[in-house]
Amino acid sequence: MINVSEEFKQNIFKTGRKIHGRVTIFFTNSLRRTFTEKDLFSIRLLERKEFFDGHLSAGNIGSNQLEIILNNSSRMFDTDNETSELYGFLQPGKRVEPYLGLELENGEIEWVTLGVFWSGEWESVEHSIQCKTLCVDRLELLDRTTYETGKVIPTPAVILRIDDNFEEWLQGSLWNVKVTLDGKLTLDLGGES
C-alpha cells in the first residue's frame, strides 16, 4: 500500500484534477537527471497480473513495464552526440524511478513513486524530437534467469561478466555487494571479512 495524504485520497478521482509526471534516471552513481513537464512527453505504466484458475496468487503476479518518452529536441539522447552530457551513458540497465504527482488545493504537488525500473535500449530517431525506452522491473529480470530446485549455489553467487560495470550493479538494489580481485561479486552481510 502506498502512503498518501487524506487530501490526495479525496482529490485523486475528482474531475479537473492536475496530474504531473516526473522521472529520475540514474545514468551513473554521480550522474542522475530528473525529467519533468517540458522534458517528458509521456509515462506509461503497464502492471501485469496473471490469473490462474480465476485466482490471483503471489506466484502469479507478473512483471511491470514502464515506457517513457522524453523530449529530445536538444539531441541530448542521440547516442552519437559527443557533445551531450549523456554521451556513452545511453545503455540498457539504467535505473529509472518514475513518480506520479497530484497538485493539491494549496498548489503543492504530492509525489507518489511508481516503483523502480531498469531501462532497455534507447530509441531516438534522427528526425524525431522523441527518445523512447521500455523499462522493466526486477521481477522481469528474475524471469530471465534459470532456477533449479535443490541446487546449492556456492558463494559468491553472482559472477561479474566482462561486459558488466560494477558501478552499474550498484545502481540496483545490490548495495551490499562488493567486487573481489578475481572479478566476482560477494554479498557483504556486515560480518568480518
N, C-alpha and C. Protein backbone atom coordinates (compact mmCIF):
# COMPACT_ATOMS: atom_id res chain seq x y z
N MET A 1 0.84 -1.18 0.00
CA MET A 1 0.00 0.00 0.00
C MET A 1 0.88 1.24 0.00
N ILE A 2 0.53 2.19 -0.83
CA ILE A 2 1.28 3.43 -0.94
C ILE A 2 0.70 4.44 0.04
N ASN A 3 1.56 5.05 0.85
CA ASN A 3 1.11 6.05 1.81
C ASN A 3 0.93 7.40 1.12
N VAL A 4 -0.28 7.91 1.18
CA VAL A 4 -0.59 9.24 0.65
C VAL A 4 -1.42 9.99 1.68
N SER A 5 -1.49 11.29 1.50
CA SER A 5 -2.26 12.10 2.44
C SER A 5 -3.77 11.91 2.20
N GLU A 6 -4.56 12.33 3.18
CA GLU A 6 -6.02 12.27 3.03
C GLU A 6 -6.48 13.16 1.89
N GLU A 7 -5.84 14.31 1.73
CA GLU A 7 -6.20 15.23 0.65
C GLU A 7 -5.95 14.57 -0.71
N PHE A 8 -4.86 13.82 -0.82
CA PHE A 8 -4.57 13.09 -2.05
C PHE A 8 -5.69 12.09 -2.34
N LYS A 9 -6.08 11.32 -1.32
CA LYS A 9 -7.14 10.32 -1.48
C LYS A 9 -8.46 10.95 -1.92
N GLN A 10 -8.76 12.13 -1.37
CA GLN A 10 -10.02 12.80 -1.69
C GLN A 10 -10.01 13.41 -3.08
N ASN A 11 -8.83 13.85 -3.56
CA ASN A 11 -8.77 14.60 -4.81
C ASN A 11 -8.34 13.79 -6.04
N ILE A 12 -7.84 12.60 -5.86
CA ILE A 12 -7.30 11.86 -6.99
C ILE A 12 -8.37 11.50 -8.02
N PHE A 13 -9.60 11.30 -7.61
CA PHE A 13 -10.65 10.93 -8.55
C PHE A 13 -11.57 12.09 -8.95
N LYS A 14 -11.28 13.29 -8.49
CA LYS A 14 -12.09 14.45 -8.85
C LYS A 14 -11.86 14.84 -10.30
N THR A 15 -12.90 15.36 -10.92
CA THR A 15 -12.73 15.92 -12.26
C THR A 15 -11.98 17.23 -12.13
N GLY A 16 -11.17 17.53 -13.11
CA GLY A 16 -10.40 18.77 -13.06
C GLY A 16 -9.12 18.66 -12.25
N ARG A 17 -8.77 17.48 -11.80
CA ARG A 17 -7.53 17.33 -11.03
C ARG A 17 -6.33 17.57 -11.95
N LYS A 18 -5.21 17.99 -11.37
CA LYS A 18 -4.00 18.23 -12.15
C LYS A 18 -2.96 17.17 -11.78
N ILE A 19 -2.64 16.34 -12.78
CA ILE A 19 -1.68 15.27 -12.59
C ILE A 19 -0.35 15.67 -13.24
N HIS A 20 0.75 15.36 -12.57
CA HIS A 20 2.09 15.67 -13.07
C HIS A 20 2.91 14.39 -13.11
N GLY A 21 3.91 14.39 -13.98
CA GLY A 21 4.81 13.25 -14.08
C GLY A 21 6.25 13.69 -13.86
N ARG A 22 7.03 12.77 -13.34
CA ARG A 22 8.45 13.04 -13.09
C ARG A 22 9.20 11.72 -13.19
N VAL A 23 10.36 11.74 -13.81
CA VAL A 23 11.18 10.53 -13.93
C VAL A 23 12.62 10.90 -13.59
N THR A 24 13.21 10.14 -12.68
CA THR A 24 14.63 10.29 -12.36
C THR A 24 15.37 9.11 -12.95
N ILE A 25 16.41 9.39 -13.72
CA ILE A 25 17.21 8.34 -14.36
C ILE A 25 18.63 8.43 -13.82
N PHE A 26 19.14 7.29 -13.35
CA PHE A 26 20.49 7.19 -12.80
C PHE A 26 21.41 6.66 -13.91
N PHE A 27 22.09 7.56 -14.62
CA PHE A 27 22.99 7.15 -15.69
C PHE A 27 24.28 6.57 -15.13
N THR A 28 24.77 7.11 -14.00
CA THR A 28 25.87 6.56 -13.21
C THR A 28 25.56 6.90 -11.76
N ASN A 29 26.45 6.52 -10.86
CA ASN A 29 26.23 6.87 -9.45
C ASN A 29 26.23 8.37 -9.23
N SER A 30 27.03 9.10 -10.02
CA SER A 30 27.11 10.54 -9.83
C SER A 30 26.34 11.34 -10.87
N LEU A 31 25.89 10.71 -11.93
CA LEU A 31 25.15 11.41 -12.98
C LEU A 31 23.71 10.90 -13.02
N ARG A 32 22.85 11.68 -12.41
CA ARG A 32 21.42 11.37 -12.48
C ARG A 32 20.67 12.64 -12.85
N ARG A 33 19.62 12.44 -13.62
CA ARG A 33 18.84 13.58 -14.08
C ARG A 33 17.36 13.31 -13.83
N THR A 34 16.64 14.38 -13.46
CA THR A 34 15.20 14.30 -13.25
C THR A 34 14.52 15.07 -14.37
N PHE A 35 13.57 14.41 -15.01
CA PHE A 35 12.86 14.98 -16.14
C PHE A 35 11.40 15.21 -15.76
N THR A 36 10.89 16.42 -16.03
CA THR A 36 9.51 16.78 -15.73
C THR A 36 8.94 17.60 -16.89
N GLU A 37 7.67 17.83 -16.82
CA GLU A 37 6.92 18.72 -17.72
C GLU A 37 7.45 18.80 -19.15
N LYS A 38 8.26 19.82 -19.48
CA LYS A 38 8.69 20.05 -20.86
C LYS A 38 9.66 18.98 -21.36
N ASP A 39 10.33 18.29 -20.46
CA ASP A 39 11.30 17.26 -20.84
C ASP A 39 10.67 15.89 -21.04
N LEU A 40 9.43 15.74 -20.60
CA LEU A 40 8.80 14.42 -20.53
C LEU A 40 7.51 14.42 -21.34
N PHE A 41 7.47 13.64 -22.42
CA PHE A 41 6.26 13.57 -23.24
C PHE A 41 5.23 12.60 -22.65
N SER A 42 5.68 11.45 -22.18
CA SER A 42 4.72 10.51 -21.60
C SER A 42 5.39 9.48 -20.71
N ILE A 43 4.59 9.00 -19.78
CA ILE A 43 4.95 7.87 -18.91
C ILE A 43 3.79 6.89 -19.02
N ARG A 44 4.09 5.66 -19.35
CA ARG A 44 3.03 4.66 -19.45
C ARG A 44 3.44 3.43 -18.65
N LEU A 45 2.69 3.14 -17.61
CA LEU A 45 2.97 2.01 -16.74
C LEU A 45 1.99 0.89 -17.05
N LEU A 46 2.54 -0.29 -17.30
CA LEU A 46 1.72 -1.47 -17.54
C LEU A 46 1.98 -2.45 -16.41
N GLU A 47 0.97 -2.64 -15.56
CA GLU A 47 1.07 -3.61 -14.48
C GLU A 47 0.41 -4.89 -14.94
N ARG A 48 1.19 -5.96 -14.98
CA ARG A 48 0.67 -7.24 -15.45
C ARG A 48 0.46 -8.18 -14.28
N LYS A 49 -0.69 -8.80 -14.29
CA LYS A 49 -1.01 -9.81 -13.30
C LYS A 49 -1.56 -11.01 -14.05
N GLU A 50 -1.08 -12.17 -13.73
CA GLU A 50 -1.51 -13.38 -14.42
C GLU A 50 -2.44 -14.18 -13.53
N PHE A 51 -3.61 -14.47 -14.05
CA PHE A 51 -4.60 -15.23 -13.29
C PHE A 51 -4.48 -16.71 -13.61
N PHE A 52 -4.63 -17.52 -12.59
CA PHE A 52 -4.59 -18.97 -12.75
C PHE A 52 -5.84 -19.52 -12.08
N ASP A 53 -6.65 -20.22 -12.83
CA ASP A 53 -7.91 -20.77 -12.31
C ASP A 53 -8.80 -19.68 -11.72
N GLY A 54 -8.73 -18.47 -12.30
CA GLY A 54 -9.59 -17.39 -11.85
C GLY A 54 -9.14 -16.72 -10.57
N HIS A 55 -7.98 -17.09 -10.05
CA HIS A 55 -7.47 -16.51 -8.80
C HIS A 55 -6.12 -15.85 -9.05
N LEU A 56 -5.84 -14.84 -8.29
CA LEU A 56 -4.56 -14.16 -8.36
C LEU A 56 -3.79 -14.51 -7.10
N SER A 57 -2.76 -15.31 -7.25
CA SER A 57 -1.93 -15.65 -6.09
C SER A 57 -0.58 -15.00 -6.24
N ALA A 58 0.20 -15.01 -5.18
CA ALA A 58 1.50 -14.35 -5.20
C ALA A 58 2.39 -14.93 -6.29
N GLY A 59 2.26 -16.20 -6.60
CA GLY A 59 3.07 -16.81 -7.63
C GLY A 59 2.64 -16.44 -9.03
N ASN A 60 1.52 -15.78 -9.18
CA ASN A 60 1.03 -15.43 -10.50
C ASN A 60 1.11 -13.94 -10.79
N ILE A 61 1.84 -13.20 -10.00
CA ILE A 61 1.99 -11.77 -10.26
C ILE A 61 3.04 -11.60 -11.33
N GLY A 62 2.71 -10.87 -12.38
CA GLY A 62 3.64 -10.66 -13.49
C GLY A 62 4.48 -9.42 -13.28
N SER A 63 5.45 -9.28 -14.14
CA SER A 63 6.34 -8.12 -14.04
C SER A 63 5.65 -6.89 -14.61
N ASN A 64 6.15 -5.74 -14.24
CA ASN A 64 5.63 -4.46 -14.71
C ASN A 64 6.55 -3.89 -15.77
N GLN A 65 5.98 -3.12 -16.69
CA GLN A 65 6.75 -2.44 -17.71
C GLN A 65 6.44 -0.96 -17.66
N LEU A 66 7.44 -0.17 -17.97
CA LEU A 66 7.30 1.28 -17.98
C LEU A 66 7.86 1.79 -19.29
N GLU A 67 7.03 2.51 -20.05
CA GLU A 67 7.51 3.15 -21.27
C GLU A 67 7.60 4.64 -21.00
N ILE A 68 8.78 5.20 -21.24
CA ILE A 68 8.92 6.65 -21.10
C ILE A 68 9.35 7.23 -22.44
N ILE A 69 8.75 8.36 -22.77
CA ILE A 69 9.11 9.09 -23.98
C ILE A 69 9.57 10.47 -23.54
N LEU A 70 10.81 10.79 -23.86
CA LEU A 70 11.45 12.03 -23.44
C LEU A 70 11.61 12.99 -24.60
N ASN A 71 11.66 14.28 -24.29
CA ASN A 71 11.87 15.32 -25.29
C ASN A 71 13.34 15.30 -25.71
N ASN A 72 13.58 15.06 -26.98
CA ASN A 72 14.95 15.00 -27.50
C ASN A 72 15.21 16.13 -28.49
N SER A 73 14.50 17.23 -28.37
CA SER A 73 14.72 18.35 -29.30
C SER A 73 16.13 18.93 -29.17
N SER A 74 16.75 18.78 -28.03
CA SER A 74 18.13 19.26 -27.83
C SER A 74 19.15 18.24 -28.32
N ARG A 75 18.71 17.06 -28.77
CA ARG A 75 19.55 15.95 -29.24
C ARG A 75 20.41 15.36 -28.12
N MET A 76 20.01 15.59 -26.85
CA MET A 76 20.72 15.06 -25.69
C MET A 76 20.76 13.54 -25.69
N PHE A 77 19.70 12.90 -26.23
CA PHE A 77 19.58 11.45 -26.19
C PHE A 77 20.05 10.76 -27.47
N ASP A 78 20.74 11.47 -28.34
CA ASP A 78 21.32 10.85 -29.52
C ASP A 78 22.59 10.11 -29.10
N THR A 79 22.67 8.84 -29.41
CA THR A 79 23.82 8.04 -28.95
C THR A 79 25.13 8.47 -29.61
N ASP A 80 25.06 9.15 -30.76
CA ASP A 80 26.28 9.58 -31.43
C ASP A 80 26.61 11.06 -31.19
N ASN A 81 25.87 11.72 -30.30
CA ASN A 81 26.11 13.14 -30.00
C ASN A 81 27.20 13.26 -28.94
N GLU A 82 28.43 13.50 -29.38
CA GLU A 82 29.58 13.56 -28.48
C GLU A 82 29.56 14.78 -27.57
N THR A 83 28.74 15.79 -27.86
CA THR A 83 28.67 16.98 -27.02
C THR A 83 27.63 16.84 -25.90
N SER A 84 26.84 15.78 -25.93
CA SER A 84 25.82 15.56 -24.89
C SER A 84 26.48 15.06 -23.61
N GLU A 85 25.98 15.54 -22.48
CA GLU A 85 26.49 15.05 -21.19
C GLU A 85 26.18 13.58 -20.98
N LEU A 86 25.26 13.03 -21.77
CA LEU A 86 24.87 11.63 -21.65
C LEU A 86 25.61 10.73 -22.64
N TYR A 87 26.54 11.30 -23.40
CA TYR A 87 27.27 10.53 -24.41
C TYR A 87 28.00 9.36 -23.73
N GLY A 88 27.75 8.18 -24.22
CA GLY A 88 28.36 6.98 -23.66
C GLY A 88 27.59 6.35 -22.51
N PHE A 89 26.56 7.03 -22.03
CA PHE A 89 25.78 6.52 -20.89
C PHE A 89 24.40 6.00 -21.28
N LEU A 90 24.03 6.12 -22.55
CA LEU A 90 22.71 5.68 -23.00
C LEU A 90 22.76 4.19 -23.35
N GLN A 91 22.81 3.39 -22.31
CA GLN A 91 22.89 1.95 -22.44
C GLN A 91 21.75 1.32 -21.66
N PRO A 92 21.39 0.09 -22.00
CA PRO A 92 20.35 -0.59 -21.22
C PRO A 92 20.81 -0.81 -19.78
N GLY A 93 19.85 -0.97 -18.89
CA GLY A 93 20.16 -1.28 -17.50
C GLY A 93 20.33 -0.08 -16.59
N LYS A 94 19.89 1.09 -17.03
CA LYS A 94 19.97 2.28 -16.18
C LYS A 94 18.77 2.31 -15.24
N ARG A 95 19.01 2.66 -14.00
CA ARG A 95 17.93 2.72 -13.01
C ARG A 95 17.00 3.89 -13.32
N VAL A 96 15.69 3.61 -13.31
CA VAL A 96 14.68 4.60 -13.64
C VAL A 96 13.63 4.61 -12.52
N GLU A 97 13.36 5.79 -11.96
CA GLU A 97 12.36 5.93 -10.91
C GLU A 97 11.29 6.93 -11.35
N PRO A 98 10.11 6.43 -11.73
CA PRO A 98 9.02 7.32 -12.13
C PRO A 98 8.14 7.72 -10.95
N TYR A 99 7.54 8.91 -11.04
CA TYR A 99 6.65 9.41 -9.99
C TYR A 99 5.40 10.00 -10.62
N LEU A 100 4.30 9.85 -9.93
CA LEU A 100 3.03 10.47 -10.30
C LEU A 100 2.76 11.55 -9.26
N GLY A 101 2.45 12.76 -9.72
CA GLY A 101 2.20 13.86 -8.81
C GLY A 101 0.78 14.38 -8.94
N LEU A 102 0.17 14.67 -7.83
CA LEU A 102 -1.16 15.27 -7.80
C LEU A 102 -1.03 16.66 -7.22
N GLU A 103 -1.52 17.66 -7.96
CA GLU A 103 -1.48 19.03 -7.45
C GLU A 103 -2.62 19.21 -6.46
N LEU A 104 -2.26 19.55 -5.22
CA LEU A 104 -3.24 19.73 -4.16
C LEU A 104 -3.85 21.12 -4.23
N GLU A 105 -4.86 21.35 -3.43
CA GLU A 105 -5.59 22.63 -3.48
C GLU A 105 -4.71 23.82 -3.12
N ASN A 106 -3.66 23.62 -2.31
CA ASN A 106 -2.79 24.73 -1.94
C ASN A 106 -1.69 24.97 -2.98
N GLY A 107 -1.72 24.21 -4.11
CA GLY A 107 -0.75 24.40 -5.18
C GLY A 107 0.47 23.49 -5.09
N GLU A 108 0.67 22.85 -3.94
CA GLU A 108 1.79 21.93 -3.80
C GLU A 108 1.49 20.63 -4.55
N ILE A 109 2.55 19.94 -4.95
CA ILE A 109 2.39 18.66 -5.64
C ILE A 109 2.82 17.54 -4.70
N GLU A 110 1.94 16.56 -4.51
CA GLU A 110 2.29 15.39 -3.70
C GLU A 110 2.69 14.28 -4.66
N TRP A 111 3.94 13.81 -4.51
CA TRP A 111 4.50 12.81 -5.42
C TRP A 111 4.36 11.40 -4.84
N VAL A 112 4.04 10.46 -5.72
CA VAL A 112 3.91 9.04 -5.35
C VAL A 112 4.82 8.25 -6.28
N THR A 113 5.65 7.41 -5.70
CA THR A 113 6.55 6.59 -6.52
C THR A 113 5.77 5.49 -7.23
N LEU A 114 6.18 5.20 -8.46
CA LEU A 114 5.55 4.13 -9.24
C LEU A 114 6.43 2.89 -9.27
N GLY A 115 7.54 2.91 -8.54
CA GLY A 115 8.43 1.76 -8.47
C GLY A 115 9.83 2.08 -8.95
N VAL A 116 10.62 1.03 -9.11
CA VAL A 116 11.98 1.15 -9.63
C VAL A 116 12.09 0.22 -10.83
N PHE A 117 12.63 0.75 -11.92
CA PHE A 117 12.72 0.02 -13.17
C PHE A 117 14.13 0.14 -13.73
N TRP A 118 14.42 -0.68 -14.75
CA TRP A 118 15.70 -0.63 -15.44
C TRP A 118 15.45 -0.47 -16.92
N SER A 119 16.14 0.48 -17.53
CA SER A 119 15.90 0.84 -18.93
C SER A 119 16.30 -0.28 -19.87
N GLY A 120 15.64 -0.25 -21.04
CA GLY A 120 16.04 -1.11 -22.15
C GLY A 120 16.88 -0.29 -23.11
N GLU A 121 16.80 -0.63 -24.39
CA GLU A 121 17.52 0.13 -25.41
C GLU A 121 16.93 1.55 -25.50
N TRP A 122 17.77 2.52 -25.83
CA TRP A 122 17.34 3.90 -26.00
C TRP A 122 17.10 4.14 -27.48
N GLU A 123 15.87 4.48 -27.83
CA GLU A 123 15.49 4.67 -29.22
C GLU A 123 15.29 6.16 -29.51
N SER A 124 16.17 6.72 -30.34
CA SER A 124 15.97 8.11 -30.77
C SER A 124 16.22 8.15 -32.27
N VAL A 125 15.17 8.46 -33.01
CA VAL A 125 15.23 8.54 -34.46
C VAL A 125 15.76 9.91 -34.86
N GLU A 126 16.57 9.95 -35.91
CA GLU A 126 17.26 11.17 -36.31
C GLU A 126 16.33 12.37 -36.53
N HIS A 127 15.19 12.17 -37.15
CA HIS A 127 14.31 13.29 -37.48
C HIS A 127 13.12 13.42 -36.51
N SER A 128 13.26 12.87 -35.33
CA SER A 128 12.19 12.94 -34.33
C SER A 128 12.69 13.70 -33.11
N ILE A 129 11.78 14.34 -32.41
CA ILE A 129 12.17 15.03 -31.18
C ILE A 129 11.88 14.16 -29.96
N GLN A 130 11.66 12.88 -30.18
CA GLN A 130 11.35 11.98 -29.07
C GLN A 130 12.45 10.93 -28.90
N CYS A 131 12.67 10.55 -27.66
CA CYS A 131 13.53 9.43 -27.31
C CYS A 131 12.69 8.51 -26.43
N LYS A 132 12.74 7.22 -26.72
CA LYS A 132 11.89 6.28 -26.00
C LYS A 132 12.73 5.14 -25.44
N THR A 133 12.35 4.66 -24.27
CA THR A 133 12.93 3.44 -23.72
C THR A 133 11.83 2.68 -22.99
N LEU A 134 11.89 1.37 -23.12
CA LEU A 134 10.95 0.49 -22.43
C LEU A 134 11.70 -0.11 -21.24
N CYS A 135 11.20 0.13 -20.05
CA CYS A 135 11.86 -0.29 -18.82
C CYS A 135 11.13 -1.48 -18.20
N VAL A 136 11.87 -2.29 -17.46
CA VAL A 136 11.28 -3.44 -16.77
C VAL A 136 11.67 -3.38 -15.29
N ASP A 137 10.89 -4.08 -14.47
CA ASP A 137 11.21 -4.13 -13.04
C ASP A 137 12.04 -5.38 -12.74
N ARG A 138 12.42 -5.57 -11.48
CA ARG A 138 13.26 -6.69 -11.06
C ARG A 138 12.59 -8.03 -11.33
N LEU A 139 11.26 -8.08 -11.28
CA LEU A 139 10.57 -9.34 -11.50
C LEU A 139 10.80 -9.84 -12.93
N GLU A 140 10.85 -8.92 -13.88
CA GLU A 140 11.15 -9.31 -15.27
C GLU A 140 12.58 -9.80 -15.38
N LEU A 141 13.51 -9.13 -14.71
CA LEU A 141 14.90 -9.57 -14.75
C LEU A 141 15.04 -10.95 -14.12
N LEU A 142 14.28 -11.20 -13.05
CA LEU A 142 14.30 -12.50 -12.40
C LEU A 142 13.72 -13.57 -13.31
N ASP A 143 12.72 -13.19 -14.10
CA ASP A 143 12.08 -14.13 -15.02
C ASP A 143 13.05 -14.58 -16.12
N ARG A 144 14.07 -13.78 -16.40
CA ARG A 144 15.04 -14.12 -17.44
C ARG A 144 16.13 -15.07 -16.93
N THR A 145 16.13 -15.39 -15.64
CA THR A 145 17.14 -16.27 -15.08
C THR A 145 16.59 -17.68 -14.93
N THR A 146 17.48 -18.64 -14.75
CA THR A 146 17.07 -20.03 -14.60
C THR A 146 17.21 -20.43 -13.14
N TYR A 147 16.19 -21.04 -12.61
CA TYR A 147 16.21 -21.52 -11.23
C TYR A 147 16.11 -23.04 -11.24
N GLU A 148 17.01 -23.69 -10.54
CA GLU A 148 16.98 -25.15 -10.46
C GLU A 148 16.73 -25.54 -9.00
N THR A 149 15.68 -26.34 -8.76
CA THR A 149 15.38 -26.75 -7.40
C THR A 149 16.44 -27.71 -6.89
N GLY A 150 16.73 -27.59 -5.62
CA GLY A 150 17.68 -28.49 -4.97
C GLY A 150 19.13 -28.18 -5.24
N LYS A 151 19.43 -27.13 -6.00
CA LYS A 151 20.81 -26.78 -6.32
C LYS A 151 21.33 -25.77 -5.31
N VAL A 152 22.47 -26.06 -4.71
CA VAL A 152 23.10 -25.13 -3.78
C VAL A 152 24.08 -24.28 -4.56
N ILE A 153 23.93 -22.98 -4.44
CA ILE A 153 24.80 -22.06 -5.16
C ILE A 153 25.92 -21.62 -4.22
N PRO A 154 27.17 -21.92 -4.57
CA PRO A 154 28.28 -21.51 -3.70
C PRO A 154 28.51 -20.02 -3.75
N THR A 155 29.10 -19.45 -2.69
CA THR A 155 29.42 -18.04 -2.69
C THR A 155 30.74 -17.85 -3.40
N PRO A 156 30.95 -16.78 -4.13
CA PRO A 156 29.96 -15.77 -4.45
C PRO A 156 28.96 -16.30 -5.48
N ALA A 157 27.70 -15.93 -5.29
CA ALA A 157 26.63 -16.45 -6.11
C ALA A 157 26.56 -15.78 -7.48
N VAL A 158 27.08 -14.58 -7.58
CA VAL A 158 26.99 -13.84 -8.83
C VAL A 158 28.39 -13.61 -9.35
N ILE A 159 28.60 -13.87 -10.61
CA ILE A 159 29.91 -13.64 -11.22
C ILE A 159 29.81 -12.41 -12.10
N LEU A 160 30.78 -11.52 -11.99
CA LEU A 160 30.81 -10.29 -12.78
C LEU A 160 31.28 -10.63 -14.18
N ARG A 161 30.41 -10.41 -15.17
CA ARG A 161 30.79 -10.69 -16.55
C ARG A 161 31.72 -9.60 -17.06
N ILE A 162 32.43 -9.89 -18.13
CA ILE A 162 33.38 -8.93 -18.70
C ILE A 162 32.67 -7.65 -19.13
N ASP A 163 31.44 -7.77 -19.66
CA ASP A 163 30.74 -6.58 -20.16
C ASP A 163 29.95 -5.86 -19.08
N ASP A 164 30.02 -6.32 -17.84
CA ASP A 164 29.34 -5.64 -16.74
C ASP A 164 30.24 -4.58 -16.15
N ASN A 165 29.64 -3.54 -15.62
CA ASN A 165 30.35 -2.48 -14.95
C ASN A 165 29.90 -2.50 -13.50
N PHE A 166 30.83 -2.59 -12.57
CA PHE A 166 30.47 -2.71 -11.16
C PHE A 166 29.61 -1.54 -10.69
N GLU A 167 29.89 -0.33 -11.21
CA GLU A 167 29.08 0.83 -10.81
C GLU A 167 27.64 0.67 -11.24
N GLU A 168 27.40 0.01 -12.38
CA GLU A 168 26.04 -0.21 -12.82
C GLU A 168 25.32 -1.20 -11.92
N TRP A 169 26.04 -2.17 -11.38
CA TRP A 169 25.42 -3.11 -10.43
C TRP A 169 24.96 -2.35 -9.18
N LEU A 170 25.73 -1.35 -8.78
CA LEU A 170 25.39 -0.59 -7.59
C LEU A 170 24.14 0.25 -7.78
N GLN A 171 23.72 0.49 -9.03
CA GLN A 171 22.52 1.27 -9.26
C GLN A 171 21.27 0.51 -8.88
N GLY A 172 21.35 -0.80 -8.82
CA GLY A 172 20.19 -1.62 -8.45
C GLY A 172 20.09 -1.69 -6.95
N SER A 173 19.50 -2.75 -6.46
CA SER A 173 19.32 -2.88 -5.02
C SER A 173 20.43 -3.72 -4.42
N LEU A 174 21.55 -3.87 -5.12
CA LEU A 174 22.65 -4.69 -4.62
C LEU A 174 23.69 -3.81 -3.93
N TRP A 175 23.26 -2.96 -3.05
CA TRP A 175 24.18 -2.01 -2.40
C TRP A 175 25.19 -2.71 -1.51
N ASN A 176 24.90 -3.90 -1.01
CA ASN A 176 25.82 -4.58 -0.10
C ASN A 176 26.67 -5.62 -0.84
N VAL A 177 26.86 -5.43 -2.13
CA VAL A 177 27.68 -6.33 -2.93
C VAL A 177 29.03 -5.68 -3.17
N LYS A 178 30.11 -6.49 -3.02
CA LYS A 178 31.46 -5.98 -3.26
C LYS A 178 32.13 -6.86 -4.31
N VAL A 179 33.00 -6.25 -5.11
CA VAL A 179 33.73 -7.00 -6.12
C VAL A 179 35.05 -7.47 -5.53
N THR A 180 35.43 -8.71 -5.84
CA THR A 180 36.70 -9.26 -5.36
C THR A 180 37.77 -9.07 -6.43
N LEU A 181 39.02 -9.32 -6.08
CA LEU A 181 40.12 -9.13 -7.02
C LEU A 181 40.02 -10.04 -8.24
N ASP A 182 39.37 -11.19 -8.09
CA ASP A 182 39.23 -12.11 -9.23
C ASP A 182 37.99 -11.82 -10.07
N GLY A 183 37.32 -10.66 -9.86
CA GLY A 183 36.21 -10.24 -10.70
C GLY A 183 34.87 -10.81 -10.33
N LYS A 184 34.71 -11.36 -9.12
CA LYS A 184 33.43 -11.90 -8.70
C LYS A 184 32.78 -10.95 -7.71
N LEU A 185 31.47 -11.06 -7.57
CA LEU A 185 30.73 -10.24 -6.63
C LEU A 185 30.44 -11.07 -5.38
N THR A 186 30.61 -10.46 -4.22
CA THR A 186 30.28 -11.14 -2.97
C THR A 186 29.27 -10.29 -2.21
N LEU A 187 28.47 -10.95 -1.40
CA LEU A 187 27.45 -10.28 -0.61
C LEU A 187 28.02 -9.98 0.78
N ASP A 188 28.06 -8.71 1.15
CA ASP A 188 28.57 -8.29 2.45
C ASP A 188 27.42 -8.23 3.43
N LEU A 189 27.43 -9.14 4.41
CA LEU A 189 26.34 -9.20 5.40
C LEU A 189 26.71 -8.45 6.68
N GLY A 190 27.78 -7.69 6.65
CA GLY A 190 28.15 -6.87 7.80
C GLY A 190 29.06 -7.58 8.77
N GLY A 191 29.43 -8.80 8.52
CA GLY A 191 30.34 -9.54 9.41
C GLY A 191 31.78 -9.26 9.06
N GLU A 192 32.68 -10.00 9.68
CA GLU A 192 34.10 -9.83 9.40
C GLU A 192 34.45 -10.50 8.09
N SER A 193 35.36 -9.89 7.33
CA SER A 193 35.76 -10.46 6.04
C SER A 193 37.00 -11.32 6.21
